[in-house]
């Protein structure tokens, strides 16, 4: 899609501080347990006996990295197609939005999304998710998560331009394969990043 808005994330710069999560949560007044943006802490490795002193354990293959993820405003968003109320639409600029006036809170979009982006708003009985801070983006400003990052690990722009600048990597472990939905997402992997489907670690923490 021409003029597809997208997020960029630099995993080599992210320190896992979750400032992006807090900024998003504050801007959208989200309740406890609901986060439009999450920071996944992924890592692995083992502790093995020292060859000379077997009673002492030494690290072996330890690694860890952080991933800041939100709705990917996919080029092929399954949430749009599966919604029985036609409450989810993809704008001409690629931003995917939920119309709360049409939403019936059936959870179908949540089940269809491999990123877990749509979440249930119990107070209103509807699904909600990241809207790319469309209100400020339409005014020419940056999404709150991008503006809040102290490490400048987040950016946004046109997908083609981000790919030309940063490459076309769109997934590492533990994210789903980019082939599923063609996410509007570009990233610079951390040096310890593992390929999708070949992960040896686990998610340690993704809540605020």
N, C-alpha and C. Protein backbone atom coordinates (compact mmCIF):
# COMPACT_ATOMS: atom_id res chain seq x y z
N UNK A 1 0.84 -1.21 0.00
CA UNK A 1 0.00 0.00 0.00
C UNK A 1 0.87 1.25 0.00
N UNK A 2 0.56 2.17 -0.90
CA UNK A 2 1.29 3.43 -0.93
C UNK A 2 0.96 4.24 0.31
N UNK A 3 1.95 4.97 0.79
CA UNK A 3 1.77 5.85 1.95
C UNK A 3 1.37 5.09 3.22
N UNK A 4 1.79 3.83 3.34
CA UNK A 4 1.50 3.03 4.53
C UNK A 4 2.31 3.54 5.71
N UNK A 5 1.63 4.01 6.76
CA UNK A 5 2.30 4.43 7.98
C UNK A 5 2.85 3.20 8.69
N UNK A 6 4.01 3.37 9.33
CA UNK A 6 4.66 2.23 9.97
C UNK A 6 5.49 2.68 11.17
N UNK A 7 5.77 1.74 12.05
CA UNK A 7 6.67 1.95 13.18
C UNK A 7 8.04 1.37 12.86
N UNK A 8 9.07 2.01 13.42
CA UNK A 8 10.43 1.47 13.38
C UNK A 8 10.90 1.28 14.81
N UNK A 9 11.62 0.19 15.04
CA UNK A 9 12.15 -0.10 16.37
C UNK A 9 13.60 -0.57 16.27
N UNK A 10 14.46 0.04 17.07
CA UNK A 10 15.87 -0.32 17.11
C UNK A 10 16.14 -1.14 18.37
N UNK A 11 16.15 -2.47 18.21
CA UNK A 11 16.37 -3.34 19.37
C UNK A 11 17.78 -3.22 19.92
N UNK A 12 18.71 -2.76 19.10
CA UNK A 12 20.09 -2.61 19.57
C UNK A 12 20.25 -1.41 20.50
N UNK A 13 19.25 -0.51 20.50
CA UNK A 13 19.32 0.69 21.33
C UNK A 13 18.40 0.61 22.55
N UNK A 14 17.38 -0.25 22.50
CA UNK A 14 16.38 -0.31 23.57
C UNK A 14 16.98 -0.89 24.85
N UNK A 15 16.73 -0.20 25.98
CA UNK A 15 17.22 -0.70 27.27
C UNK A 15 16.09 -1.27 28.13
N UNK A 16 14.90 -1.39 27.55
CA UNK A 16 13.78 -2.00 28.26
C UNK A 16 13.16 -1.15 29.34
N UNK A 17 13.32 0.17 29.27
CA UNK A 17 12.85 1.04 30.35
C UNK A 17 11.33 1.17 30.43
N UNK A 18 10.62 0.87 29.33
CA UNK A 18 9.16 0.92 29.24
C UNK A 18 8.59 2.33 29.31
N UNK A 19 9.40 3.34 29.00
CA UNK A 19 8.86 4.70 28.92
C UNK A 19 7.79 4.79 27.85
N UNK A 20 7.96 4.04 26.76
CA UNK A 20 6.96 4.03 25.69
C UNK A 20 5.63 3.47 26.17
N UNK A 21 5.69 2.43 27.01
CA UNK A 21 4.49 1.81 27.55
C UNK A 21 3.74 2.81 28.44
N UNK A 22 4.50 3.48 29.32
CA UNK A 22 3.89 4.43 30.25
C UNK A 22 3.28 5.62 29.51
N UNK A 23 3.99 6.13 28.50
CA UNK A 23 3.47 7.26 27.73
C UNK A 23 2.17 6.90 27.04
N UNK A 24 2.13 5.71 26.45
CA UNK A 24 0.92 5.25 25.77
C UNK A 24 -0.21 5.05 26.77
N UNK A 25 0.11 4.44 27.89
CA UNK A 25 -0.90 4.16 28.91
C UNK A 25 -1.51 5.46 29.45
N UNK A 26 -0.65 6.46 29.67
CA UNK A 26 -1.10 7.75 30.18
C UNK A 26 -1.95 8.49 29.15
N UNK A 27 -1.48 8.51 27.91
CA UNK A 27 -2.19 9.22 26.85
C UNK A 27 -3.59 8.68 26.63
N UNK A 28 -3.72 7.34 26.72
CA UNK A 28 -4.99 6.69 26.44
C UNK A 28 -5.80 6.35 27.69
N UNK A 29 -5.27 6.73 28.88
CA UNK A 29 -5.95 6.49 30.16
C UNK A 29 -6.37 5.02 30.28
N UNK A 30 -5.42 4.14 30.05
CA UNK A 30 -5.71 2.71 30.03
C UNK A 30 -5.76 2.13 31.45
N UNK A 31 -6.67 1.22 31.70
CA UNK A 31 -6.77 0.60 33.02
C UNK A 31 -5.66 -0.42 33.25
N UNK A 32 -5.53 -0.85 34.48
CA UNK A 32 -4.55 -1.88 34.83
C UNK A 32 -4.81 -3.14 34.01
N UNK A 33 -3.74 -3.70 33.47
CA UNK A 33 -3.88 -4.92 32.69
C UNK A 33 -4.09 -4.71 31.21
N UNK A 34 -4.31 -3.46 30.79
CA UNK A 34 -4.48 -3.16 29.37
C UNK A 34 -3.33 -2.28 28.91
N UNK A 35 -2.57 -2.75 27.95
CA UNK A 35 -1.45 -1.99 27.40
C UNK A 35 -1.49 -2.07 25.88
N UNK A 36 -1.59 -0.92 25.23
CA UNK A 36 -1.55 -0.92 23.76
C UNK A 36 -0.13 -1.22 23.27
N UNK A 37 0.86 -0.74 23.99
CA UNK A 37 2.25 -1.05 23.66
C UNK A 37 2.85 -1.84 24.80
N UNK A 38 3.64 -2.84 24.47
CA UNK A 38 4.29 -3.69 25.46
C UNK A 38 5.77 -3.79 25.15
N UNK A 39 6.56 -4.02 26.18
CA UNK A 39 7.98 -4.30 26.00
C UNK A 39 8.23 -5.73 26.44
N UNK A 40 8.58 -6.57 25.49
CA UNK A 40 8.88 -7.97 25.78
C UNK A 40 10.34 -8.11 26.15
N UNK A 41 10.60 -8.73 27.29
CA UNK A 41 11.97 -9.04 27.70
C UNK A 41 12.21 -10.50 27.35
N UNK A 42 13.07 -10.74 26.36
CA UNK A 42 13.29 -12.11 25.88
C UNK A 42 14.74 -12.51 26.10
N UNK A 43 14.94 -13.71 26.60
CA UNK A 43 16.31 -14.15 26.83
C UNK A 43 16.39 -15.62 27.14
N UNK A 44 17.61 -16.09 27.33
CA UNK A 44 17.80 -17.51 27.62
C UNK A 44 19.25 -17.80 27.94
N UNK A 45 19.59 -19.06 27.89
CA UNK A 45 20.94 -19.51 28.24
C UNK A 45 20.86 -20.47 29.41
N UNK A 46 22.00 -20.78 29.96
CA UNK A 46 22.03 -21.75 31.05
C UNK A 46 23.19 -21.49 31.99
N UNK A 47 23.15 -22.15 33.14
CA UNK A 47 24.25 -22.13 34.10
C UNK A 47 24.80 -23.55 34.19
N UNK A 48 26.07 -23.71 33.98
CA UNK A 48 26.70 -25.03 33.95
C UNK A 48 27.85 -25.08 34.97
N UNK A 49 28.22 -26.28 35.44
CA UNK A 49 29.32 -26.41 36.40
C UNK A 49 30.64 -25.96 35.81
N UNK A 50 31.41 -25.25 36.61
CA UNK A 50 32.75 -24.84 36.20
C UNK A 50 33.61 -26.10 36.04
N UNK A 51 34.39 -26.19 34.94
CA UNK A 51 35.23 -27.38 34.72
C UNK A 51 36.19 -27.68 35.86
N UNK A 52 36.72 -26.64 36.49
CA UNK A 52 37.69 -26.85 37.56
C UNK A 52 37.04 -26.93 38.93
N UNK A 53 35.91 -26.24 39.09
CA UNK A 53 35.22 -26.22 40.40
C UNK A 53 33.74 -26.56 40.17
N UNK A 54 33.42 -27.84 40.07
CA UNK A 54 32.06 -28.29 39.73
C UNK A 54 30.97 -27.77 40.66
N UNK A 55 31.32 -27.39 41.86
CA UNK A 55 30.31 -26.87 42.78
C UNK A 55 29.91 -25.43 42.47
N UNK A 56 30.67 -24.80 41.59
CA UNK A 56 30.40 -23.42 41.20
C UNK A 56 29.80 -23.41 39.79
N UNK A 57 28.69 -22.68 39.63
CA UNK A 57 28.05 -22.58 38.32
C UNK A 57 28.56 -21.37 37.56
N UNK A 58 28.71 -21.54 36.24
CA UNK A 58 29.16 -20.45 35.38
C UNK A 58 28.15 -20.27 34.24
N UNK A 59 28.00 -19.03 33.75
CA UNK A 59 27.03 -18.80 32.67
C UNK A 59 27.49 -19.43 31.36
N UNK A 60 26.50 -19.90 30.59
CA UNK A 60 26.78 -20.48 29.29
C UNK A 60 25.72 -20.05 28.28
N UNK A 61 26.13 -19.27 27.33
CA UNK A 61 25.21 -18.85 26.27
C UNK A 61 24.10 -17.93 26.72
N UNK A 62 24.33 -17.16 27.79
CA UNK A 62 23.28 -16.24 28.26
C UNK A 62 23.07 -15.11 27.27
N UNK A 63 21.82 -14.74 27.05
CA UNK A 63 21.50 -13.62 26.18
C UNK A 63 20.17 -13.02 26.61
N UNK A 64 19.96 -11.76 26.26
CA UNK A 64 18.70 -11.10 26.57
C UNK A 64 18.55 -9.87 25.68
N UNK A 65 17.33 -9.57 25.29
CA UNK A 65 17.06 -8.33 24.56
C UNK A 65 15.60 -7.95 24.75
N UNK A 66 15.30 -6.70 24.45
CA UNK A 66 13.95 -6.15 24.63
C UNK A 66 13.33 -5.84 23.27
N UNK A 67 12.02 -6.00 23.19
CA UNK A 67 11.27 -5.68 21.98
C UNK A 67 10.05 -4.83 22.36
N UNK A 68 9.95 -3.64 21.79
CA UNK A 68 8.79 -2.79 22.00
C UNK A 68 7.82 -3.02 20.86
N UNK A 69 6.62 -3.54 21.21
CA UNK A 69 5.66 -3.90 20.17
C UNK A 69 4.27 -3.34 20.51
N UNK A 70 3.52 -3.07 19.46
CA UNK A 70 2.14 -2.61 19.59
C UNK A 70 1.37 -3.15 18.40
N UNK A 71 0.20 -2.58 18.11
CA UNK A 71 -0.49 -2.94 16.88
C UNK A 71 0.45 -2.62 15.72
N UNK A 72 0.56 -3.57 14.79
CA UNK A 72 1.48 -3.40 13.67
C UNK A 72 0.82 -2.74 12.46
N UNK A 73 -0.46 -2.40 12.55
CA UNK A 73 -1.17 -1.75 11.44
C UNK A 73 -0.81 -2.44 10.13
N UNK A 74 -1.04 -3.74 10.15
CA UNK A 74 -0.57 -4.65 9.10
C UNK A 74 -1.09 -4.29 7.71
N UNK A 75 -0.30 -4.65 6.72
CA UNK A 75 -0.75 -4.47 5.35
C UNK A 75 -1.90 -5.43 5.03
N UNK A 76 -1.92 -6.58 5.70
CA UNK A 76 -3.01 -7.54 5.55
C UNK A 76 -3.58 -7.87 6.94
N UNK A 77 -4.28 -6.93 7.55
CA UNK A 77 -4.75 -7.11 8.93
C UNK A 77 -5.91 -8.11 9.03
N UNK A 78 -5.73 -9.22 9.74
CA UNK A 78 -6.81 -10.20 9.87
C UNK A 78 -7.98 -9.67 10.69
N UNK A 79 -7.72 -8.69 11.55
CA UNK A 79 -8.79 -8.14 12.38
C UNK A 79 -9.86 -7.46 11.53
N UNK A 80 -9.46 -6.86 10.43
CA UNK A 80 -10.41 -6.16 9.55
C UNK A 80 -11.35 -7.16 8.90
N UNK A 81 -10.79 -8.24 8.38
CA UNK A 81 -11.59 -9.22 7.64
C UNK A 81 -12.51 -10.02 8.54
N UNK A 82 -12.07 -10.28 9.78
CA UNK A 82 -12.84 -11.18 10.63
C UNK A 82 -13.95 -10.48 11.42
N UNK A 83 -13.91 -9.18 11.52
CA UNK A 83 -14.89 -8.46 12.35
C UNK A 83 -16.30 -8.58 11.75
N UNK A 84 -17.24 -9.22 12.46
CA UNK A 84 -18.60 -9.40 11.92
C UNK A 84 -19.41 -8.11 11.88
N UNK A 85 -18.99 -7.11 12.67
CA UNK A 85 -19.72 -5.85 12.73
C UNK A 85 -19.13 -4.79 11.81
N UNK A 86 -18.06 -5.15 11.10
CA UNK A 86 -17.37 -4.20 10.23
C UNK A 86 -16.95 -2.95 11.01
N UNK A 87 -16.49 -3.18 12.24
CA UNK A 87 -16.13 -2.07 13.11
C UNK A 87 -14.66 -1.68 12.99
N UNK A 88 -13.89 -2.45 12.24
CA UNK A 88 -12.46 -2.15 12.09
C UNK A 88 -12.17 -1.80 10.65
N UNK A 89 -11.50 -0.69 10.44
CA UNK A 89 -11.19 -0.25 9.09
C UNK A 89 -9.72 0.13 8.97
N UNK A 90 -9.22 0.05 7.76
CA UNK A 90 -7.85 0.43 7.46
C UNK A 90 -7.90 1.69 6.62
N UNK A 91 -7.37 2.78 7.15
CA UNK A 91 -7.41 4.06 6.44
C UNK A 91 -6.53 4.02 5.20
N UNK A 92 -6.65 5.04 4.39
CA UNK A 92 -5.84 5.13 3.17
C UNK A 92 -4.35 5.20 3.48
N UNK A 93 -4.01 5.68 4.68
CA UNK A 93 -2.60 5.75 5.06
C UNK A 93 -2.14 4.50 5.82
N UNK A 94 -3.02 3.48 5.87
CA UNK A 94 -2.64 2.21 6.47
C UNK A 94 -2.94 2.06 7.94
N UNK A 95 -3.33 3.13 8.62
CA UNK A 95 -3.63 3.04 10.05
C UNK A 95 -4.94 2.29 10.25
N UNK A 96 -4.90 1.29 11.14
CA UNK A 96 -6.06 0.46 11.41
C UNK A 96 -6.77 0.96 12.66
N UNK A 97 -8.07 1.25 12.53
CA UNK A 97 -8.84 1.85 13.61
C UNK A 97 -10.07 1.01 13.96
N UNK A 98 -10.47 1.07 15.24
CA UNK A 98 -11.69 0.42 15.71
C UNK A 98 -12.76 1.49 15.93
N UNK A 99 -13.93 1.29 15.34
CA UNK A 99 -15.07 2.19 15.55
C UNK A 99 -15.87 1.65 16.73
N UNK A 100 -15.74 2.30 17.89
CA UNK A 100 -16.40 1.81 19.10
C UNK A 100 -17.91 1.85 19.00
N UNK A 101 -18.45 2.68 18.13
CA UNK A 101 -19.90 2.76 17.96
C UNK A 101 -20.46 1.53 17.24
N UNK A 102 -19.60 0.87 16.47
CA UNK A 102 -20.03 -0.33 15.74
C UNK A 102 -19.62 -1.62 16.44
N UNK A 103 -18.56 -1.55 17.25
CA UNK A 103 -18.00 -2.75 17.87
C UNK A 103 -19.01 -3.40 18.82
N UNK A 104 -19.11 -4.74 18.75
CA UNK A 104 -20.02 -5.48 19.62
C UNK A 104 -19.25 -6.28 20.68
N UNK A 105 -17.93 -6.09 20.73
CA UNK A 105 -17.13 -6.73 21.77
C UNK A 105 -17.06 -8.24 21.68
N UNK A 106 -17.08 -8.80 20.48
CA UNK A 106 -17.14 -10.26 20.31
C UNK A 106 -15.79 -10.95 20.49
N UNK A 107 -14.70 -10.19 20.50
CA UNK A 107 -13.33 -10.70 20.69
C UNK A 107 -12.75 -11.38 19.44
N UNK A 108 -13.48 -11.44 18.34
CA UNK A 108 -12.95 -12.13 17.16
C UNK A 108 -11.62 -11.53 16.71
N UNK A 109 -11.52 -10.20 16.75
CA UNK A 109 -10.29 -9.54 16.31
C UNK A 109 -9.11 -9.91 17.22
N UNK A 110 -9.40 -10.02 18.50
CA UNK A 110 -8.35 -10.40 19.46
C UNK A 110 -7.82 -11.79 19.16
N UNK A 111 -8.72 -12.71 18.86
CA UNK A 111 -8.32 -14.08 18.58
C UNK A 111 -7.58 -14.18 17.25
N UNK A 112 -7.91 -13.32 16.29
CA UNK A 112 -7.30 -13.38 14.97
C UNK A 112 -5.92 -12.74 14.92
N UNK A 113 -5.65 -11.79 15.81
CA UNK A 113 -4.41 -11.03 15.75
C UNK A 113 -3.25 -11.81 16.37
N UNK A 114 -2.18 -12.08 15.63
CA UNK A 114 -1.03 -12.82 16.18
C UNK A 114 -0.20 -11.99 17.15
N UNK A 115 -0.47 -10.68 17.22
CA UNK A 115 0.28 -9.79 18.11
C UNK A 115 -0.49 -9.48 19.40
N UNK A 116 -1.73 -9.93 19.49
CA UNK A 116 -2.53 -9.65 20.68
C UNK A 116 -2.85 -8.18 20.85
N UNK A 117 -2.96 -7.45 19.73
CA UNK A 117 -3.15 -6.00 19.81
C UNK A 117 -4.54 -5.59 20.31
N UNK A 118 -5.63 -6.12 19.74
CA UNK A 118 -6.96 -5.73 20.25
C UNK A 118 -7.18 -6.29 21.66
N UNK A 119 -7.71 -5.46 22.54
CA UNK A 119 -7.99 -5.88 23.90
C UNK A 119 -9.39 -5.41 24.30
N UNK A 120 -9.97 -6.09 25.28
CA UNK A 120 -11.36 -5.81 25.65
C UNK A 120 -11.44 -4.71 26.69
N UNK A 121 -12.27 -3.72 26.42
CA UNK A 121 -12.55 -2.65 27.37
C UNK A 121 -13.81 -3.02 28.13
N UNK A 122 -13.62 -3.55 29.34
CA UNK A 122 -14.76 -4.04 30.12
C UNK A 122 -15.76 -2.94 30.47
N UNK A 123 -15.28 -1.71 30.62
CA UNK A 123 -16.17 -0.62 31.00
C UNK A 123 -17.17 -0.29 29.89
N UNK A 124 -16.72 -0.38 28.64
CA UNK A 124 -17.57 -0.02 27.51
C UNK A 124 -18.07 -1.23 26.71
N UNK A 125 -17.52 -2.41 27.01
CA UNK A 125 -17.94 -3.61 26.31
C UNK A 125 -17.49 -3.66 24.86
N UNK A 126 -16.38 -2.99 24.56
CA UNK A 126 -15.88 -2.96 23.18
C UNK A 126 -14.39 -3.29 23.14
N UNK A 127 -13.90 -3.57 21.95
CA UNK A 127 -12.48 -3.84 21.76
C UNK A 127 -11.75 -2.51 21.51
N UNK A 128 -10.54 -2.40 22.04
CA UNK A 128 -9.72 -1.20 21.86
C UNK A 128 -8.30 -1.63 21.53
N UNK A 129 -7.55 -0.73 20.91
CA UNK A 129 -6.16 -1.03 20.57
C UNK A 129 -5.43 0.25 20.19
N UNK A 130 -4.14 0.11 19.95
CA UNK A 130 -3.32 1.23 19.48
C UNK A 130 -3.91 1.82 18.20
N UNK A 131 -4.07 3.14 18.18
CA UNK A 131 -4.58 3.81 16.98
C UNK A 131 -3.51 4.69 16.33
N UNK A 132 -2.23 4.39 16.66
CA UNK A 132 -1.10 5.11 16.08
C UNK A 132 -1.11 6.58 16.50
N UNK A 133 -1.80 6.87 17.63
CA UNK A 133 -1.95 8.27 18.07
C UNK A 133 -2.42 9.13 16.91
N UNK A 134 -3.46 8.64 16.24
CA UNK A 134 -3.89 9.26 14.99
C UNK A 134 -4.25 10.73 15.18
N UNK A 135 -4.70 11.11 16.37
CA UNK A 135 -5.09 12.49 16.59
C UNK A 135 -3.89 13.44 16.50
N UNK A 136 -2.73 13.01 16.99
CA UNK A 136 -1.55 13.88 16.92
C UNK A 136 -0.77 13.67 15.62
N UNK A 137 -0.80 12.44 15.08
CA UNK A 137 -0.13 12.18 13.81
C UNK A 137 -0.77 12.99 12.69
N UNK A 138 -2.10 13.11 12.73
CA UNK A 138 -2.80 13.92 11.72
C UNK A 138 -2.44 15.40 11.82
N UNK A 139 -1.87 15.80 12.97
CA UNK A 139 -1.41 17.19 13.15
C UNK A 139 0.07 17.34 12.85
N UNK A 140 0.68 16.25 12.35
CA UNK A 140 2.09 16.31 11.98
C UNK A 140 3.05 16.02 13.11
N UNK A 141 2.54 15.51 14.23
CA UNK A 141 3.39 15.20 15.38
C UNK A 141 3.63 13.70 15.50
N UNK A 142 4.57 13.32 16.35
CA UNK A 142 4.93 11.92 16.53
C UNK A 142 4.01 11.22 17.52
N UNK A 143 3.77 9.92 17.34
CA UNK A 143 3.02 9.16 18.36
C UNK A 143 3.70 9.28 19.71
N UNK A 144 2.93 9.20 20.78
CA UNK A 144 3.47 9.39 22.12
C UNK A 144 4.60 8.42 22.45
N UNK A 145 4.48 7.17 22.02
CA UNK A 145 5.53 6.20 22.32
C UNK A 145 6.85 6.60 21.68
N UNK A 146 6.79 7.09 20.45
CA UNK A 146 7.99 7.52 19.74
C UNK A 146 8.63 8.73 20.43
N UNK A 147 7.78 9.71 20.76
CA UNK A 147 8.29 10.94 21.37
C UNK A 147 8.87 10.72 22.76
N UNK A 148 8.41 9.68 23.45
CA UNK A 148 8.82 9.48 24.85
C UNK A 148 10.09 8.67 25.00
N UNK A 149 10.53 7.97 23.97
CA UNK A 149 11.66 7.05 24.11
C UNK A 149 12.96 7.80 24.37
N UNK A 150 13.59 7.61 25.55
CA UNK A 150 14.83 8.34 25.85
C UNK A 150 16.01 7.86 25.04
N UNK A 151 15.94 6.65 24.51
CA UNK A 151 17.03 6.08 23.72
C UNK A 151 16.84 6.31 22.23
N UNK A 152 15.73 6.94 21.85
CA UNK A 152 15.39 7.16 20.43
C UNK A 152 15.38 5.83 19.67
N UNK A 153 14.86 4.80 20.34
CA UNK A 153 14.80 3.48 19.73
C UNK A 153 13.54 3.29 18.89
N UNK A 154 12.61 4.24 18.97
CA UNK A 154 11.37 4.17 18.19
C UNK A 154 11.30 5.32 17.20
N UNK A 155 10.72 5.02 16.05
CA UNK A 155 10.50 6.04 15.03
C UNK A 155 9.25 5.64 14.25
N UNK A 156 8.79 6.52 13.39
CA UNK A 156 7.64 6.21 12.55
C UNK A 156 7.78 6.94 11.23
N UNK A 157 7.00 6.55 10.27
CA UNK A 157 7.05 7.20 8.97
C UNK A 157 6.38 6.34 7.92
N UNK A 158 6.70 6.58 6.66
CA UNK A 158 6.17 5.77 5.57
C UNK A 158 6.96 4.46 5.52
N UNK A 159 6.26 3.35 5.34
CA UNK A 159 6.89 2.04 5.37
C UNK A 159 8.02 1.93 4.35
N UNK A 160 7.79 2.36 3.13
CA UNK A 160 8.83 2.26 2.10
C UNK A 160 10.07 3.06 2.47
N UNK A 161 9.86 4.23 3.07
CA UNK A 161 10.99 5.06 3.45
C UNK A 161 11.76 4.44 4.62
N UNK A 162 11.06 3.84 5.57
CA UNK A 162 11.72 3.19 6.69
C UNK A 162 12.52 1.99 6.22
N UNK A 163 11.97 1.24 5.27
CA UNK A 163 12.71 0.09 4.73
C UNK A 163 13.95 0.52 3.97
N UNK A 164 13.83 1.61 3.24
CA UNK A 164 14.98 2.11 2.50
C UNK A 164 16.08 2.58 3.45
N UNK A 165 15.70 3.08 4.60
CA UNK A 165 16.67 3.61 5.56
C UNK A 165 17.23 2.54 6.49
N UNK A 166 16.36 1.60 6.91
CA UNK A 166 16.77 0.66 7.95
C UNK A 166 16.81 -0.81 7.52
N UNK A 167 16.33 -1.14 6.33
CA UNK A 167 16.26 -2.53 5.92
C UNK A 167 14.84 -3.07 6.02
N UNK A 168 14.70 -4.37 5.85
CA UNK A 168 13.35 -4.94 5.80
C UNK A 168 13.09 -6.01 6.85
N UNK A 169 13.88 -6.05 7.91
CA UNK A 169 13.62 -7.01 8.99
C UNK A 169 12.35 -6.59 9.72
N UNK A 170 11.42 -7.52 9.86
CA UNK A 170 10.14 -7.20 10.51
C UNK A 170 9.80 -8.15 11.65
N UNK A 171 10.68 -9.09 11.94
CA UNK A 171 10.38 -10.04 13.02
C UNK A 171 11.63 -10.78 13.47
N UNK A 172 11.75 -10.98 14.77
CA UNK A 172 12.72 -11.88 15.39
C UNK A 172 11.96 -12.60 16.51
N UNK A 173 12.56 -13.61 17.10
CA UNK A 173 11.91 -14.25 18.25
C UNK A 173 11.70 -13.23 19.36
N UNK A 174 10.55 -13.25 20.05
CA UNK A 174 9.45 -14.21 19.97
C UNK A 174 8.27 -13.73 19.14
N UNK A 175 8.48 -12.83 18.19
CA UNK A 175 7.39 -12.32 17.36
C UNK A 175 6.95 -13.37 16.34
N UNK A 176 5.70 -13.29 15.88
CA UNK A 176 5.25 -14.22 14.83
C UNK A 176 5.90 -13.89 13.50
N UNK A 177 5.86 -14.82 12.58
CA UNK A 177 6.43 -14.60 11.26
C UNK A 177 5.74 -13.43 10.57
N UNK A 178 6.53 -12.59 9.91
CA UNK A 178 5.97 -11.44 9.21
C UNK A 178 5.12 -11.86 8.02
N UNK A 179 5.27 -13.10 7.57
CA UNK A 179 4.49 -13.58 6.43
C UNK A 179 3.01 -13.70 6.77
N UNK A 180 2.67 -13.78 8.04
CA UNK A 180 1.27 -13.98 8.44
C UNK A 180 0.39 -12.79 8.08
N UNK A 181 0.84 -11.58 8.38
CA UNK A 181 0.00 -10.38 8.21
C UNK A 181 0.69 -9.23 7.50
N UNK A 182 1.97 -9.40 7.16
CA UNK A 182 2.76 -8.32 6.56
C UNK A 182 2.68 -7.06 7.42
N UNK A 183 3.25 -7.09 8.62
CA UNK A 183 3.19 -5.95 9.54
C UNK A 183 3.87 -4.71 8.97
N UNK A 184 3.29 -3.55 9.24
CA UNK A 184 3.91 -2.28 8.86
C UNK A 184 4.92 -1.93 9.94
N UNK A 185 6.01 -2.63 9.91
CA UNK A 185 6.99 -2.60 10.99
C UNK A 185 8.37 -2.91 10.42
N UNK A 186 9.35 -2.12 10.86
CA UNK A 186 10.74 -2.33 10.47
C UNK A 186 11.58 -2.27 11.73
N UNK A 187 12.56 -3.13 11.84
CA UNK A 187 13.38 -3.12 13.05
C UNK A 187 14.85 -3.37 12.74
N UNK A 188 15.68 -2.87 13.63
CA UNK A 188 17.09 -3.21 13.65
C UNK A 188 17.28 -4.22 14.77
N UNK A 189 17.66 -5.46 14.44
CA UNK A 189 17.76 -6.49 15.47
C UNK A 189 18.88 -6.23 16.47
N UNK A 190 18.69 -6.71 17.68
CA UNK A 190 19.75 -6.74 18.69
C UNK A 190 20.79 -7.78 18.25
N UNK A 191 22.02 -7.61 18.68
CA UNK A 191 23.08 -8.55 18.27
C UNK A 191 22.79 -9.98 18.72
N UNK A 192 21.97 -10.13 19.77
CA UNK A 192 21.63 -11.46 20.28
C UNK A 192 20.30 -11.99 19.73
N UNK A 193 19.67 -11.23 18.85
CA UNK A 193 18.35 -11.63 18.35
C UNK A 193 18.41 -12.99 17.66
N UNK A 194 17.35 -13.76 17.86
CA UNK A 194 17.25 -15.08 17.26
C UNK A 194 16.18 -15.08 16.18
N UNK A 195 16.37 -15.86 15.12
CA UNK A 195 15.40 -15.91 14.04
C UNK A 195 14.05 -16.44 14.50
N UNK A 196 12.99 -15.98 13.85
CA UNK A 196 11.65 -16.47 14.16
C UNK A 196 11.58 -17.98 13.92
N UNK A 197 11.03 -18.69 14.90
CA UNK A 197 10.89 -20.13 14.79
C UNK A 197 12.09 -20.91 15.26
N UNK A 198 13.16 -20.20 15.63
CA UNK A 198 14.38 -20.88 16.07
C UNK A 198 14.82 -20.39 17.44
N UNK A 199 13.87 -19.91 18.21
CA UNK A 199 14.21 -19.35 19.52
C UNK A 199 14.54 -20.41 20.56
N UNK A 200 15.49 -20.07 21.41
CA UNK A 200 15.87 -20.97 22.51
C UNK A 200 15.59 -20.32 23.87
N UNK A 201 15.01 -19.12 23.85
CA UNK A 201 14.76 -18.39 25.10
C UNK A 201 13.30 -18.39 25.47
N UNK A 202 12.93 -17.43 26.33
CA UNK A 202 11.55 -17.27 26.75
C UNK A 202 11.30 -15.81 27.10
N UNK A 203 10.03 -15.43 27.17
CA UNK A 203 9.64 -14.08 27.58
C UNK A 203 9.66 -14.02 29.10
N UNK A 204 10.41 -13.05 29.64
CA UNK A 204 10.50 -12.91 31.08
C UNK A 204 9.44 -11.97 31.64
N UNK A 205 9.15 -10.90 30.92
CA UNK A 205 8.25 -9.88 31.48
C UNK A 205 7.76 -9.00 30.36
N UNK A 206 6.43 -8.72 30.36
CA UNK A 206 5.88 -7.79 29.37
C UNK A 206 4.73 -6.98 29.95
N UNK A 207 4.70 -6.84 31.27
CA UNK A 207 3.58 -6.15 31.92
C UNK A 207 4.02 -4.87 32.61
N UNK A 208 3.09 -3.92 32.66
CA UNK A 208 3.26 -2.69 33.45
C UNK A 208 1.93 -2.42 34.13
